Amino acid sequence: MATDKRQFTLRLNDEVFEKIKLIASKNKRSLTMHIEYVIEQHIAEYEKENGTIQEGPQ
């Protein structure tokens, strides 16, 4: 299955990993999809407070 999503390595300590995994399961999401959801929510909150983030070199 082709995707336009970038891959990267994320290192988490065991406690954080297990907690995220549990929350993802309770929300019927895969671990990966839950992490993506949490990041998207954080970006939305940030942009609500600070304005739209402009893509490109800073």
PDB file of N, CA and C in Angstrom:
ATOM      1  N   MET A   1       0.841  -1.179   0.000  1.00  0.00           N
ATOM      2  CA  MET A   1       0.000   0.000   0.000  1.00  0.00           C
ATOM      3  C   MET A   1       0.890   1.248   0.000  1.00  0.00           C
ATOM      4  N   ALA A   2       0.745   2.063  -0.991  1.00  0.00           N
ATOM      5  CA  ALA A   2       1.542   3.287  -1.092  1.00  0.00           C
ATOM      6  C   ALA A   2       0.964   4.351  -0.162  1.00  0.00           C
ATOM      7  N   THR A   3       1.838   5.162   0.386  1.00  0.00           N
ATOM      8  CA  THR A   3       1.402   6.238   1.263  1.00  0.00           C
ATOM      9  C   THR A   3       2.288   7.450   1.052  1.00  0.00           C
ATOM     10  N   ASP A   4       1.741   8.612   1.353  1.00  0.00           N
ATOM     11  CA  ASP A   4       2.524   9.840   1.228  1.00  0.00           C
ATOM     12  C   ASP A   4       3.065  10.280   2.585  1.00  0.00           C
ATOM     13  N   LYS A   5       2.988   9.399   3.578  1.00  0.00           N
ATOM     14  CA  LYS A   5       3.445   9.739   4.919  1.00  0.00           C
ATOM     15  C   LYS A   5       4.925   9.428   5.076  1.00  0.00           C
ATOM     16  N   ARG A   6       5.629  10.319   5.743  1.00  0.00           N
ATOM     17  CA  ARG A   6       7.043  10.109   6.020  1.00  0.00           C
ATOM     18  C   ARG A   6       7.206   9.153   7.188  1.00  0.00           C
ATOM     19  N   GLN A   7       8.259   8.385   7.133  1.00  0.00           N
ATOM     20  CA  GLN A   7       8.597   7.498   8.236  1.00  0.00           C
ATOM     21  C   GLN A   7       9.746   8.105   9.021  1.00  0.00           C
ATOM     22  N   PHE A   8       9.718   7.908  10.335  1.00  0.00           N
ATOM     23  CA  PHE A   8      10.833   8.325  11.168  1.00  0.00           C
ATOM     24  C   PHE A   8      10.827   7.479  12.428  1.00  0.00           C
ATOM     25  N   THR A   9      11.925   7.466  13.120  1.00  0.00           N
ATOM     26  CA  THR A   9      12.047   6.684  14.342  1.00  0.00           C
ATOM     27  C   THR A   9      11.682   7.549  15.535  1.00  0.00           C
ATOM     28  N   LEU A  10      10.883   6.987  16.413  1.00  0.00           N
ATOM     29  CA  LEU A  10      10.499   7.670  17.650  1.00  0.00           C
ATOM     30  C   LEU A  10      10.876   6.774  18.814  1.00  0.00           C
ATOM     31  N   ARG A  11      11.694   7.271  19.693  1.00  0.00           N
ATOM     32  CA  ARG A  11      12.094   6.491  20.851  1.00  0.00           C
ATOM     33  C   ARG A  11      11.313   6.973  22.072  1.00  0.00           C
ATOM     34  N   LEU A  12      10.691   6.031  22.759  1.00  0.00           N
ATOM     35  CA  LEU A  12       9.917   6.335  23.965  1.00  0.00           C
ATOM     36  C   LEU A  12      10.369   5.413  25.083  1.00  0.00           C
ATOM     37  N   ASN A  13      10.316   5.919  26.310  1.00  0.00           N
ATOM     38  CA  ASN A  13      10.609   4.997  27.402  1.00  0.00           C
ATOM     39  C   ASN A  13       9.432   4.034  27.544  1.00  0.00           C
ATOM     40  N   ASP A  14       9.663   2.920  28.211  1.00  0.00           N
ATOM     41  CA  ASP A  14       8.658   1.859  28.300  1.00  0.00           C
ATOM     42  C   ASP A  14       7.343   2.329  28.907  1.00  0.00           C
ATOM     43  N   GLU A  15       7.418   3.141  29.950  1.00  0.00           N
ATOM     44  CA  GLU A  15       6.204   3.598  30.620  1.00  0.00           C
ATOM     45  C   GLU A  15       5.334   4.436  29.683  1.00  0.00           C
ATOM     46  N   VAL A  16       5.927   5.382  28.993  1.00  0.00           N
ATOM     47  CA  VAL A  16       5.175   6.225  28.056  1.00  0.00           C
ATOM     48  C   VAL A  16       4.602   5.383  26.921  1.00  0.00           C
ATOM     49  N   PHE A  17       5.404   4.476  26.385  1.00  0.00           N
ATOM     50  CA  PHE A  17       4.960   3.606  25.295  1.00  0.00           C
ATOM     51  C   PHE A  17       3.724   2.806  25.713  1.00  0.00           C
ATOM     52  N   GLU A  18       3.780   2.189  26.880  1.00  0.00           N
ATOM     53  CA  GLU A  18       2.660   1.362  27.343  1.00  0.00           C
ATOM     54  C   GLU A  18       1.411   2.196  27.603  1.00  0.00           C
ATOM     55  N   LYS A  19       1.574   3.394  28.125  1.00  0.00           N
ATOM     56  CA  LYS A  19       0.418   4.259  28.384  1.00  0.00           C
ATOM     57  C   LYS A  19      -0.228   4.711  27.076  1.00  0.00           C
ATOM     58  N   ILE A  20       0.575   5.109  26.098  1.00  0.00           N
ATOM     59  CA  ILE A  20       0.030   5.523  24.807  1.00  0.00           C
ATOM     60  C   ILE A  20      -0.667   4.347  24.132  1.00  0.00           C
ATOM     61  N   LYS A  21      -0.052   3.187  24.220  1.00  0.00           N
ATOM     62  CA  LYS A  21      -0.631   1.971  23.637  1.00  0.00           C
ATOM     63  C   LYS A  21      -2.002   1.677  24.254  1.00  0.00           C
ATOM     64  N   LEU A  22      -2.126   1.826  25.565  1.00  0.00           N
ATOM     65  CA  LEU A  22      -3.388   1.599  26.255  1.00  0.00           C
ATOM     66  C   LEU A  22      -4.449   2.616  25.833  1.00  0.00           C
ATOM     67  N   ILE A  23      -4.062   3.881  25.792  1.00  0.00           N
ATOM     68  CA  ILE A  23      -5.001   4.928  25.376  1.00  0.00           C
ATOM     69  C   ILE A  23      -5.457   4.689  23.940  1.00  0.00           C
ATOM     70  N   ALA A  24      -4.531   4.339  23.062  1.00  0.00           N
ATOM     71  CA  ALA A  24      -4.866   4.060  21.663  1.00  0.00           C
ATOM     72  C   ALA A  24      -5.874   2.928  21.580  1.00  0.00           C
ATOM     73  N   SER A  25      -5.643   1.878  22.325  1.00  0.00           N
ATOM     74  CA  SER A  25      -6.547   0.733  22.314  1.00  0.00           C
ATOM     75  C   SER A  25      -7.943   1.122  22.789  1.00  0.00           C
ATOM     76  N   LYS A  26      -8.025   1.907  23.851  1.00  0.00           N
ATOM     77  CA  LYS A  26      -9.325   2.349  24.373  1.00  0.00           C
ATOM     78  C   LYS A  26     -10.067   3.225  23.363  1.00  0.00           C
ATOM     79  N   ASN A  27      -9.317   3.905  22.495  1.00  0.00           N
ATOM     80  CA  ASN A  27      -9.920   4.758  21.467  1.00  0.00           C
ATOM     81  C   ASN A  27     -10.033   4.040  20.123  1.00  0.00           C
ATOM     82  N   LYS A  28      -9.775   2.729  20.132  1.00  0.00           N
ATOM     83  CA  LYS A  28      -9.876   1.891  18.930  1.00  0.00           C
ATOM     84  C   LYS A  28      -9.005   2.408  17.780  1.00  0.00           C
ATOM     85  N   ARG A  29      -7.794   2.817  18.154  1.00  0.00           N
ATOM     86  CA  ARG A  29      -6.811   3.260  17.168  1.00  0.00           C
ATOM     87  C   ARG A  29      -5.567   2.408  17.315  1.00  0.00           C
ATOM     88  N   SER A  30      -4.803   2.324  16.237  1.00  0.00           N
ATOM     89  CA  SER A  30      -3.480   1.715  16.343  1.00  0.00           C
ATOM     90  C   SER A  30      -2.585   2.697  17.091  1.00  0.00           C
ATOM     91  N   LEU A  31      -1.496   2.196  17.605  1.00  0.00           N
ATOM     92  CA  LEU A  31      -0.542   3.053  18.297  1.00  0.00           C
ATOM     93  C   LEU A  31      -0.085   4.187  17.384  1.00  0.00           C
ATOM     94  N   THR A  32       0.268   3.851  16.158  1.00  0.00           N
ATOM     95  CA  THR A  32       0.744   4.854  15.204  1.00  0.00           C
ATOM     96  C   THR A  32      -0.323   5.904  14.907  1.00  0.00           C
ATOM     97  N   MET A  33      -1.550   5.453  14.671  1.00  0.00           N
ATOM     98  CA  MET A  33      -2.620   6.406  14.359  1.00  0.00           C
ATOM     99  C   MET A  33      -2.944   7.284  15.564  1.00  0.00           C
ATOM    100  N   HIS A  34      -2.807   6.742  16.766  1.00  0.00           N
ATOM    101  CA  HIS A  34      -3.069   7.562  17.947  1.00  0.00           C
ATOM    102  C   HIS A  34      -1.991   8.628  18.117  1.00  0.00           C
ATOM    103  N   ILE A  35      -0.741   8.257  17.916  1.00  0.00           N
ATOM    104  CA  ILE A  35       0.339   9.243  18.008  1.00  0.00           C
ATOM    105  C   ILE A  35       0.121  10.340  16.966  1.00  0.00           C
ATOM    106  N   GLU A  36      -0.250   9.957  15.744  1.00  0.00           N
ATOM    107  CA  GLU A  36      -0.524  10.953  14.702  1.00  0.00           C
ATOM    108  C   GLU A  36      -1.681  11.860  15.127  1.00  0.00           C
ATOM    109  N   TYR A  37      -2.738  11.292  15.691  1.00  0.00           N
ATOM    110  CA  TYR A  37      -3.890  12.067  16.152  1.00  0.00           C
ATOM    111  C   TYR A  37      -3.476  13.075  17.231  1.00  0.00           C
ATOM    112  N   VAL A  38      -2.687  12.631  18.207  1.00  0.00           N
ATOM    113  CA  VAL A  38      -2.252  13.503  19.293  1.00  0.00           C
ATOM    114  C   VAL A  38      -1.408  14.659  18.755  1.00  0.00           C
ATOM    115  N   ILE A  39      -0.522  14.366  17.820  1.00  0.00           N
ATOM    116  CA  ILE A  39       0.303  15.416  17.222  1.00  0.00           C
ATOM    117  C   ILE A  39      -0.566  16.421  16.460  1.00  0.00           C
ATOM    118  N   GLU A  40      -1.528  15.916  15.682  1.00  0.00           N
ATOM    119  CA  GLU A  40      -2.424  16.809  14.940  1.00  0.00           C
ATOM    120  C   GLU A  40      -3.227  17.697  15.886  1.00  0.00           C
ATOM    121  N   GLN A  41      -3.698  17.149  17.002  1.00  0.00           N
ATOM    122  CA  GLN A  41      -4.432  17.937  17.988  1.00  0.00           C
ATOM    123  C   GLN A  41      -3.547  19.019  18.598  1.00  0.00           C
ATOM    124  N   HIS A  42      -2.311  18.667  18.892  1.00  0.00           N
ATOM    125  CA  HIS A  42      -1.381  19.646  19.458  1.00  0.00           C
ATOM    126  C   HIS A  42      -1.118  20.782  18.468  1.00  0.00           C
ATOM    127  N   ILE A  43      -0.920  20.442  17.208  1.00  0.00           N
ATOM    128  CA  ILE A  43      -0.695  21.468  16.184  1.00  0.00           C
ATOM    129  C   ILE A  43      -1.911  22.387  16.080  1.00  0.00           C
ATOM    130  N   ALA A  44      -3.108  21.813  16.094  1.00  0.00           N
ATOM    131  CA  ALA A  44      -4.326  22.626  16.007  1.00  0.00           C
ATOM    132  C   ALA A  44      -4.429  23.590  17.187  1.00  0.00           C
ATOM    133  N   GLU A  45      -4.136  23.103  18.390  1.00  0.00           N
ATOM    134  CA  GLU A  45      -4.162  23.976  19.568  1.00  0.00           C
ATOM    135  C   GLU A  45      -3.108  25.072  19.469  1.00  0.00           C
ATOM    136  N   TYR A  46      -1.914  24.714  19.026  1.00  0.00           N
ATOM    137  CA  TYR A  46      -0.833  25.691  18.877  1.00  0.00           C
ATOM    138  C   TYR A  46      -1.240  26.775  17.880  1.00  0.00           C
ATOM    139  N   GLU A  47      -1.773  26.350  16.733  1.00  0.00           N
ATOM    140  CA  GLU A  47      -2.146  27.325  15.709  1.00  0.00           C
ATOM    141  C   GLU A  47      -3.320  28.191  16.162  1.00  0.00           C
ATOM    142  N   LYS A  48      -4.209  27.652  16.973  1.00  0.00           N
ATOM    143  CA  LYS A  48      -5.316  28.452  17.497  1.00  0.00           C
ATOM    144  C   LYS A  48      -4.786  29.587  18.364  1.00  0.00           C
ATOM    145  N   GLU A  49      -3.745  29.295  19.127  1.00  0.00           N
ATOM    146  CA  GLU A  49      -3.171  30.298  20.023  1.00  0.00           C
ATOM    147  C   GLU A  49      -2.160  31.213  19.341  1.00  0.00           C
ATOM    148  N   ASN A  50      -1.451  30.710  18.317  1.00  0.00           N
ATOM    149  CA  ASN A  50      -0.312  31.436  17.745  1.00  0.00           C
ATOM    150  C   ASN A  50      -0.426  31.765  16.264  1.00  0.00           C
ATOM    151  N   GLY A  51      -1.492  31.337  15.624  1.00  0.00           N
ATOM    152  CA  GLY A  51      -1.631  31.554  14.188  1.00  0.00           C
ATOM    153  C   GLY A  51      -1.083  30.373  13.404  1.00  0.00           C
ATOM    154  N   THR A  52      -1.436  30.345  12.141  1.00  0.00           N
ATOM    155  CA  THR A  52      -1.049  29.256  11.260  1.00  0.00           C
ATOM    156  C   THR A  52       0.472  29.141  11.130  1.00  0.00           C
ATOM    157  N   ILE A  53       0.942  27.921  11.224  1.00  0.00           N
ATOM    158  CA  ILE A  53       2.360  27.660  11.050  1.00  0.00           C
ATOM    159  C   ILE A  53       2.654  27.667   9.556  1.00  0.00           C
ATOM    160  N   GLN A  54       3.611  28.457   9.133  1.00  0.00           N
ATOM    161  CA  GLN A  54       3.992  28.522   7.727  1.00  0.00           C
ATOM    162  C   GLN A  54       5.017  27.443   7.431  1.00  0.00           C
ATOM    163  N   GLU A  55       4.781  26.675   6.386  1.00  0.00           N
ATOM    164  CA  GLU A  55       5.733  25.648   5.985  1.00  0.00           C
ATOM    165  C   GLU A  55       6.931  26.283   5.291  1.00  0.00           C
ATOM    166  N   GLY A  56       8.031  25.560   5.304  1.00  0.00           N
ATOM    167  CA  GLY A  56       9.223  26.035   4.617  1.00  0.00           C
ATOM    168  C   GLY A  56      10.313  26.409   5.597  1.00  0.00           C
ATOM    169  N   PRO A  57      11.440  26.868   5.084  1.00  0.00           N
ATOM    170  CA  PRO A  57      12.573  27.215   5.940  1.00  0.00           C
ATOM    171  C   PRO A  57      12.212  28.339   6.913  1.00  0.00           C
ATOM    172  N   GLN A  58      12.707  28.244   8.111  1.00  0.00           N
ATOM    173  CA  GLN A  58      12.427  29.263   9.130  1.00  0.00           C
ATOM    174  C   GLN A  58      13.577  30.214   9.259  1.00  0.00           C
TER     175      GLN A  58
END
